Protein backbone atom coordinates (compact mmCIF):
# COMPACT_ATOMS: atom_id res chain seq x y z
CA MET A 1 102.85 113.05 112.42
CA ALA A 2 102.68 114.84 108.55
CA SER A 3 106.64 114.28 107.69
CA SER A 4 107.85 114.27 104.64
CA PHE A 5 108.81 110.33 104.83
CA THR A 6 105.31 110.05 105.94
CA LYS A 7 103.43 111.78 103.01
CA LEU A 8 105.80 109.86 100.57
CA ILE A 9 104.57 106.95 101.71
CA THR A 10 100.74 107.64 102.08
CA THR A 11 101.34 108.55 98.35
CA TYR A 12 102.84 105.07 97.59
CA ILE A 13 99.93 103.55 99.69
CA ASN A 14 97.28 105.63 97.85
CA ALA A 15 99.31 104.34 94.11
CA LYS A 16 99.46 100.91 95.47
CA ASP A 17 96.31 100.46 96.96
CA SER A 18 93.93 102.33 94.64
CA ASN A 19 95.95 101.65 90.97
CA LYS A 20 96.98 104.75 90.37
CA PRO A 21 100.58 104.39 88.96
CA HIS A 22 100.98 107.86 88.01
CA LEU A 23 101.59 108.55 91.45
CA MET A 24 104.32 106.73 91.55
CA ASN A 25 107.02 108.88 89.79
CA ARG A 26 105.61 111.51 93.23
CA VAL A 27 107.49 109.12 95.47
CA PHE A 28 110.53 107.00 93.82
CA SER A 29 113.71 108.49 91.99
CA LYS A 30 113.95 106.87 88.39
CA ASP A 31 116.68 105.24 89.55
CA ALA A 32 115.06 103.43 92.99
CA THR A 33 115.73 100.05 93.73
CA LEU A 34 113.04 97.69 95.74
CA ASN A 35 114.35 94.66 97.34
CA MET A 36 111.90 92.06 98.61
CA ILE A 37 112.04 89.15 101.09
CA VAL A 38 109.04 86.83 100.73
CA ASN A 39 108.12 84.61 103.84
CA SER A 40 105.50 83.35 102.67
CA GLU A 41 104.50 80.39 99.80
CA ASN A 42 100.82 82.46 100.12
CA ILE A 43 102.24 85.59 97.78
CA SER A 44 105.35 85.99 95.50
CA PHE A 45 106.84 89.24 94.09
CA PRO A 46 110.36 89.47 92.27
CA SER A 47 113.17 89.58 94.70
CA LYS A 48 114.94 93.15 93.24
CA VAL A 49 113.43 95.49 90.88
CA THR A 50 115.36 98.17 89.66
CA GLY A 51 114.04 101.98 88.08
CA LEU A 52 110.79 103.91 88.74
CA ASP A 53 109.01 102.43 85.55
CA ASN A 54 109.93 98.69 86.79
CA ILE A 55 108.82 99.33 90.54
CA THR A 56 105.43 100.84 89.50
CA VAL A 57 104.47 97.92 87.00
CA THR A 58 105.43 95.43 90.23
CA LEU A 59 103.84 97.30 92.76
CA VAL A 60 100.68 99.27 91.21
CA GLU A 61 100.02 97.78 87.84
CA ASP A 62 100.62 94.02 87.59
CA PHE A 63 99.25 94.23 91.82
CA SER A 64 96.18 95.58 90.57
CA MET A 65 95.63 92.66 87.70
CA LYS A 66 95.54 90.14 91.04
CA PHE A 67 94.22 92.10 93.60
CA GLU A 68 91.22 94.67 94.46
CA ASN A 69 89.70 95.98 98.22
CA VAL A 70 93.21 96.26 99.29
CA TYR A 71 94.28 98.15 102.49
CA THR A 72 97.72 98.95 103.76
CA ILE A 73 97.82 100.36 107.37
CA CYS A 74 101.41 101.51 108.31
CA LEU A 75 101.86 101.12 112.39
CA GLU A 76 102.53 103.95 113.69
CA ASP A 77 103.57 102.70 117.28
CA THR A 78 106.43 100.90 115.03
CA ILE A 79 108.18 103.77 113.30
CA GLN A 80 111.93 104.49 113.80
CA ARG A 81 113.39 107.17 111.41
CA ASP A 82 116.34 109.39 111.00
CA ASP A 83 116.84 112.15 108.07
CA GLU A 84 117.26 109.75 105.60
CA LYS A 85 115.76 106.01 106.97
CA PHE A 86 112.51 105.19 107.82
CA PHE A 87 111.27 101.64 109.14
CA CYS A 88 107.91 100.42 109.95
CA GLN A 89 106.05 97.37 110.38
CA TRP A 90 102.42 97.37 108.08
CA LEU A 91 99.32 95.08 107.84
CA VAL A 92 97.71 94.22 104.46
CA VAL A 93 94.55 93.29 103.80
CA MET A 94 93.18 92.60 100.31
CA ASN A 95 91.25 89.97 98.10
CA ASP A 96 92.40 87.48 95.39
CA LYS A 97 89.97 88.84 91.81
CA VAL A 98 89.93 85.20 90.94
CA THR A 99 89.32 83.24 94.06
CA LYS A 100 87.95 85.82 96.06
CA GLU A 101 89.92 84.57 98.74
CA VAL A 102 91.24 87.39 101.42
CA LYS A 103 95.12 87.97 101.96
CA VAL A 104 96.20 89.33 105.34
CA GLY A 105 99.72 90.21 105.36
CA ILE A 106 102.21 91.42 108.05
CA GLY A 107 105.51 92.93 107.53
CA GLU A 108 108.44 95.59 107.38
CA TYR A 109 109.22 98.73 105.11
CA VAL A 110 112.50 100.02 104.89
CA TRP A 111 112.54 103.66 103.23
CA ILE A 112 115.73 105.30 102.41
CA ARG A 113 114.87 109.07 100.96
CA LYS A 114 117.59 111.36 99.22
CA ASP A 115 116.70 114.48 98.74
CA SER A 116 112.62 114.39 98.30
CA LEU A 117 112.52 111.07 96.98
CA ILE A 118 112.73 107.73 97.66
CA THR A 119 115.71 105.93 96.76
CA SER A 120 115.51 102.42 97.85
CA LEU A 121 112.55 100.55 99.36
CA ASP A 122 112.89 97.04 101.25
CA ILE A 123 109.89 95.21 101.85
CA LYS A 124 109.65 92.25 103.81
CA ILE A 125 107.05 89.84 103.75
CA LYS A 126 106.98 88.00 107.10
CA GLU A 127 103.39 86.26 106.92
CA MET A 128 100.44 86.05 104.70
CA SER A 129 97.46 84.24 105.47
CA ILE A 130 94.63 83.10 103.68
CA VAL A 131 91.31 83.73 104.91
CA ASP A 132 88.72 81.26 102.86
CA ALA A 133 86.42 83.39 100.53
CA LYS A 134 83.38 83.09 103.00
CA TYR A 135 84.37 85.40 104.92
CA GLN A 136 85.19 87.97 102.66
CA ASN A 137 82.92 90.51 103.61
CA ASP A 138 83.41 90.54 107.00
CA VAL A 139 86.96 90.38 106.86
CA LEU A 140 86.97 93.47 104.55
CA ASP A 141 84.38 95.39 106.47
CA LEU A 142 86.70 95.39 109.66
CA VAL A 143 89.50 96.05 107.68
CA SER A 144 87.55 99.07 106.62
CA SER A 145 86.65 100.30 109.87
CA PHE A 146 90.43 100.77 110.92
CA PRO A 147 92.10 104.22 110.80
CA TYR A 148 93.48 104.39 107.69
CA PRO A 149 96.71 104.22 105.94
CA TRP A 150 98.40 104.74 109.68
CA ALA A 151 97.13 103.41 112.67
CA ASN A 152 98.23 101.90 116.33
CA ALA A 153 98.46 98.30 116.67
CA HIS A 154 95.92 98.20 119.24
CA GLN A 155 93.74 100.04 116.53
CA ILE A 156 93.89 96.93 114.38
CA ASN A 157 93.94 93.63 116.52
CA ASP A 158 90.73 92.69 115.60
CA ILE A 159 91.57 91.05 112.69
CA HIS A 160 93.87 88.30 114.26
CA LYS A 161 90.03 86.67 114.72
CA TYR A 162 90.39 85.54 111.29
CA LEU A 163 93.41 84.33 110.72
CA PHE A 164 92.66 80.83 112.22
CA VAL A 165 89.42 79.79 110.99
């Protein structure tokens, strides 16, 4: 599975989840674009961001000021790709640094590559649920047991028990 796309995406996840902005220049071209569709009131992002520096601020620097214990898992069994385009669904689990509430989200990535870097990323947040802070350790312990950052959907099914508490 170690294609050049998956290496780029794994580097991106490492940068975002671990607050390593210096890694973003290994993923995105200088003039890359980010388009966000957010179908939840539980999180907000700008709808369009242009340029490596602005994408880095939005997805790594600003993000890491609000959230910690971030786990982004791409679902291998949803991958569709060709030479220039890569699609997959994802799960994210993180907690708010202030309220300690846990956010559990699902969505889709569409990555467009030219040469060896990403020129466009579309992120669709289909759902972002909030789990009470009293379940923080339970949820984070569970997600930390999942394969990371790539898994199949059946490997992460246990997360659903916390979405309707």
